[in-house]
Each structure stands twice: as C-alpha cells, then as structure tokens.
Amino acid sequence: MPLAIDQAAVDPRRRVLDDDSPVLAELQALEARGVHVISCLTCLDYYGLTEQLAVGVIGGMPDIIAAQWGAQKVITL
C-alpha cells in the first residue's frame, strides 16, 4: 500500500515526517503494516528537511505518480 506525503502540501512548518513529528509513531505503525510512505525529494530539499526524514523513503514525482496509479485508494489530507 503506497502512501505519498508531500511535506510542503501538508505544511512545512508542521514537519510531519521528521523526528519532531506529532504523528511519527502513527506513520511508523502504518509503515510497519506495509504502507509505503514516499516523500517528495524536491520539497524536502527546498525546505532543508532531507537529512531529517524519520519515516518512509525519498522519491521523485515519477515514484509518487506510480504509487498513486498503483493504489486501490488515494487519500488527500
């Protein structure tokens, strides 16, 4: 189950994918259950968060699009 999270679209000040994330435990639990969490490399680079990623993998737009096309359901937050 792929899950693409665009850090910038959520709100870069909230930093949902780094060590200070208020939802880090929940995202790690989803990942442990087989959900693929993909973060946008361009967005992470822009906000200087690439080295602080605490859950999931870094991908580009082709990775995110492939995940969305292959998903049974896409949820936008």
N, C-alpha and C. Protein backbone atom coordinates (compact mmCIF):
# COMPACT_ATOMS: atom_id res chain seq x y z
N MET A 1 0.84 -1.18 0.00
CA MET A 1 0.00 0.00 0.00
C MET A 1 0.88 1.24 0.00
N PRO A 2 1.01 1.93 -1.12
CA PRO A 2 1.81 3.15 -1.14
C PRO A 2 1.07 4.33 -0.53
N LEU A 3 1.81 5.18 0.14
CA LEU A 3 1.27 6.41 0.71
C LEU A 3 2.26 7.51 0.37
N ALA A 4 1.83 8.46 -0.42
CA ALA A 4 2.71 9.57 -0.79
C ALA A 4 2.33 10.78 0.06
N ILE A 5 3.31 11.33 0.73
CA ILE A 5 3.07 12.52 1.54
C ILE A 5 3.97 13.62 1.02
N ASP A 6 3.37 14.70 0.59
CA ASP A 6 4.12 15.87 0.13
C ASP A 6 4.28 16.79 1.34
N GLN A 7 5.47 16.85 1.87
CA GLN A 7 5.75 17.66 3.07
C GLN A 7 5.27 19.09 2.90
N ALA A 8 5.50 19.67 1.72
CA ALA A 8 5.12 21.07 1.50
C ALA A 8 3.61 21.24 1.44
N ALA A 9 2.92 20.26 0.87
CA ALA A 9 1.46 20.38 0.75
C ALA A 9 0.80 20.29 2.10
N VAL A 10 1.39 19.54 3.02
CA VAL A 10 0.82 19.43 4.36
C VAL A 10 0.99 20.76 5.08
N ASP A 11 2.18 21.19 5.26
CA ASP A 11 2.55 22.48 5.84
C ASP A 11 3.99 22.32 6.32
N PRO A 12 4.93 22.96 5.67
CA PRO A 12 6.35 22.74 6.00
C PRO A 12 6.69 23.08 7.45
N ARG A 13 5.90 23.93 8.09
CA ARG A 13 6.18 24.27 9.48
C ARG A 13 5.81 23.13 10.43
N ARG A 14 4.93 22.26 10.00
CA ARG A 14 4.49 21.16 10.86
C ARG A 14 5.44 19.97 10.80
N ARG A 15 6.18 19.82 9.74
CA ARG A 15 7.22 18.80 9.59
C ARG A 15 6.72 17.43 10.04
N VAL A 16 5.80 16.88 9.30
CA VAL A 16 5.16 15.62 9.70
C VAL A 16 6.04 14.39 9.54
N LEU A 17 7.18 14.51 8.88
CA LEU A 17 7.98 13.32 8.60
C LEU A 17 9.33 13.31 9.30
N ASP A 18 9.59 14.24 10.18
CA ASP A 18 10.89 14.25 10.86
C ASP A 18 10.74 13.79 12.32
N ASP A 19 11.84 13.82 13.06
CA ASP A 19 11.85 13.32 14.44
C ASP A 19 10.92 14.09 15.38
N ASP A 20 10.58 15.33 15.05
CA ASP A 20 9.71 16.14 15.90
C ASP A 20 8.23 16.02 15.53
N SER A 21 7.91 15.13 14.63
CA SER A 21 6.54 15.00 14.14
C SER A 21 5.58 14.55 15.24
N PRO A 22 4.42 15.20 15.33
CA PRO A 22 3.43 14.76 16.32
C PRO A 22 2.74 13.47 15.90
N VAL A 23 2.92 13.04 14.66
CA VAL A 23 2.29 11.81 14.16
C VAL A 23 3.32 10.77 13.74
N LEU A 24 4.55 10.91 14.21
CA LEU A 24 5.62 9.99 13.81
C LEU A 24 5.29 8.55 14.18
N ALA A 25 4.82 8.31 15.36
CA ALA A 25 4.51 6.94 15.80
C ALA A 25 3.43 6.32 14.91
N GLU A 26 2.44 7.10 14.54
CA GLU A 26 1.36 6.60 13.69
C GLU A 26 1.88 6.27 12.30
N LEU A 27 2.73 7.15 11.74
CA LEU A 27 3.30 6.89 10.43
C LEU A 27 4.22 5.67 10.44
N GLN A 28 4.99 5.51 11.50
CA GLN A 28 5.85 4.33 11.62
C GLN A 28 5.01 3.06 11.75
N ALA A 29 3.89 3.14 12.46
CA ALA A 29 3.00 1.99 12.58
C ALA A 29 2.40 1.62 11.22
N LEU A 30 2.01 2.63 10.44
CA LEU A 30 1.50 2.36 9.09
C LEU A 30 2.57 1.71 8.23
N GLU A 31 3.79 2.23 8.32
CA GLU A 31 4.89 1.67 7.54
C GLU A 31 5.16 0.22 7.95
N ALA A 32 5.08 -0.07 9.23
CA ALA A 32 5.29 -1.43 9.73
C ALA A 32 4.21 -2.40 9.22
N ARG A 33 3.05 -1.86 8.89
CA ARG A 33 1.94 -2.68 8.37
C ARG A 33 1.98 -2.80 6.85
N GLY A 34 3.05 -2.27 6.22
CA GLY A 34 3.20 -2.44 4.78
C GLY A 34 2.87 -1.23 3.94
N VAL A 35 2.54 -0.11 4.57
CA VAL A 35 2.26 1.11 3.81
C VAL A 35 3.59 1.74 3.41
N HIS A 36 3.73 2.07 2.13
CA HIS A 36 4.95 2.71 1.62
C HIS A 36 4.77 4.22 1.72
N VAL A 37 5.54 4.87 2.55
CA VAL A 37 5.47 6.32 2.74
C VAL A 37 6.56 6.93 1.85
N ILE A 38 6.14 7.75 0.90
CA ILE A 38 7.06 8.36 -0.04
C ILE A 38 7.04 9.88 0.14
N SER A 39 8.22 10.46 0.32
CA SER A 39 8.33 11.92 0.47
C SER A 39 8.95 12.51 -0.78
N CYS A 40 8.46 13.64 -1.19
CA CYS A 40 8.92 14.34 -2.39
C CYS A 40 10.33 14.91 -2.16
N LEU A 41 11.29 14.48 -2.97
CA LEU A 41 12.67 14.96 -2.85
C LEU A 41 12.77 16.46 -3.07
N THR A 42 12.09 16.98 -4.06
CA THR A 42 12.16 18.41 -4.35
C THR A 42 11.67 19.23 -3.17
N CYS A 43 10.57 18.80 -2.56
CA CYS A 43 10.01 19.53 -1.42
C CYS A 43 10.94 19.44 -0.20
N LEU A 44 11.46 18.24 0.06
CA LEU A 44 12.38 18.09 1.19
C LEU A 44 13.62 18.95 1.01
N ASP A 45 14.18 18.96 -0.21
CA ASP A 45 15.35 19.79 -0.49
C ASP A 45 15.04 21.27 -0.30
N TYR A 46 13.90 21.70 -0.81
CA TYR A 46 13.53 23.12 -0.74
C TYR A 46 13.46 23.61 0.70
N TYR A 47 12.90 22.78 1.58
CA TYR A 47 12.75 23.18 2.97
C TYR A 47 13.90 22.72 3.86
N GLY A 48 14.93 22.11 3.28
CA GLY A 48 16.09 21.68 4.04
C GLY A 48 15.79 20.55 5.01
N LEU A 49 14.88 19.66 4.63
CA LEU A 49 14.45 18.59 5.52
C LEU A 49 14.95 17.21 5.09
N THR A 50 15.73 17.13 4.04
CA THR A 50 16.15 15.84 3.50
C THR A 50 16.86 14.97 4.54
N GLU A 51 17.75 15.56 5.31
CA GLU A 51 18.52 14.80 6.30
C GLU A 51 17.70 14.47 7.55
N GLN A 52 16.54 15.07 7.71
CA GLN A 52 15.74 14.89 8.92
C GLN A 52 14.59 13.90 8.75
N LEU A 53 14.51 13.29 7.58
CA LEU A 53 13.42 12.36 7.32
C LEU A 53 13.49 11.18 8.29
N ALA A 54 12.42 10.93 9.02
CA ALA A 54 12.41 9.89 10.06
C ALA A 54 11.56 8.68 9.69
N VAL A 55 10.79 8.78 8.63
CA VAL A 55 9.93 7.66 8.23
C VAL A 55 9.77 7.68 6.72
N GLY A 56 9.71 6.52 6.13
CA GLY A 56 9.49 6.40 4.70
C GLY A 56 10.75 6.55 3.88
N VAL A 57 10.54 6.73 2.58
CA VAL A 57 11.63 6.86 1.62
C VAL A 57 11.48 8.17 0.85
N ILE A 58 12.57 8.59 0.26
CA ILE A 58 12.56 9.79 -0.58
C ILE A 58 12.35 9.35 -2.02
N GLY A 59 11.44 10.02 -2.69
CA GLY A 59 11.16 9.71 -4.09
C GLY A 59 10.91 10.97 -4.88
N GLY A 60 10.88 10.80 -6.16
CA GLY A 60 10.57 11.91 -7.06
C GLY A 60 9.13 11.82 -7.54
N MET A 61 8.76 12.74 -8.39
CA MET A 61 7.40 12.76 -8.90
C MET A 61 7.03 11.46 -9.63
N PRO A 62 7.93 10.86 -10.40
CA PRO A 62 7.56 9.58 -11.03
C PRO A 62 7.22 8.49 -10.01
N ASP A 63 7.93 8.47 -8.89
CA ASP A 63 7.65 7.49 -7.83
C ASP A 63 6.28 7.74 -7.21
N ILE A 64 5.98 9.00 -6.97
CA ILE A 64 4.70 9.35 -6.34
C ILE A 64 3.54 9.06 -7.29
N ILE A 65 3.70 9.38 -8.56
CA ILE A 65 2.65 9.10 -9.54
C ILE A 65 2.43 7.60 -9.68
N ALA A 66 3.52 6.83 -9.75
CA ALA A 66 3.39 5.37 -9.85
C ALA A 66 2.68 4.81 -8.62
N ALA A 67 2.98 5.34 -7.45
CA ALA A 67 2.32 4.88 -6.23
C ALA A 67 0.82 5.19 -6.28
N GLN A 68 0.47 6.37 -6.76
CA GLN A 68 -0.94 6.74 -6.84
C GLN A 68 -1.67 5.88 -7.87
N TRP A 69 -1.04 5.63 -9.01
CA TRP A 69 -1.68 4.80 -10.04
C TRP A 69 -1.85 3.37 -9.57
N GLY A 70 -0.92 2.87 -8.76
CA GLY A 70 -0.99 1.50 -8.29
C GLY A 70 -1.83 1.30 -7.04
N ALA A 71 -2.26 2.38 -6.44
CA ALA A 71 -3.02 2.29 -5.19
C ALA A 71 -4.47 1.95 -5.45
N GLN A 72 -5.06 1.22 -4.53
CA GLN A 72 -6.50 0.94 -4.62
C GLN A 72 -7.30 2.17 -4.21
N LYS A 73 -6.70 3.01 -3.37
CA LYS A 73 -7.39 4.21 -2.89
C LYS A 73 -6.34 5.27 -2.58
N VAL A 74 -6.61 6.51 -2.96
CA VAL A 74 -5.72 7.63 -2.66
C VAL A 74 -6.47 8.58 -1.74
N ILE A 75 -5.83 8.93 -0.62
CA ILE A 75 -6.43 9.83 0.36
C ILE A 75 -5.62 11.12 0.37
N THR A 76 -6.27 12.24 0.20
CA THR A 76 -5.61 13.54 0.23
C THR A 76 -5.91 14.21 1.55
N LEU A 77 -4.87 14.62 2.27
CA LEU A 77 -5.06 15.31 3.55
C LEU A 77 -4.94 16.79 3.37
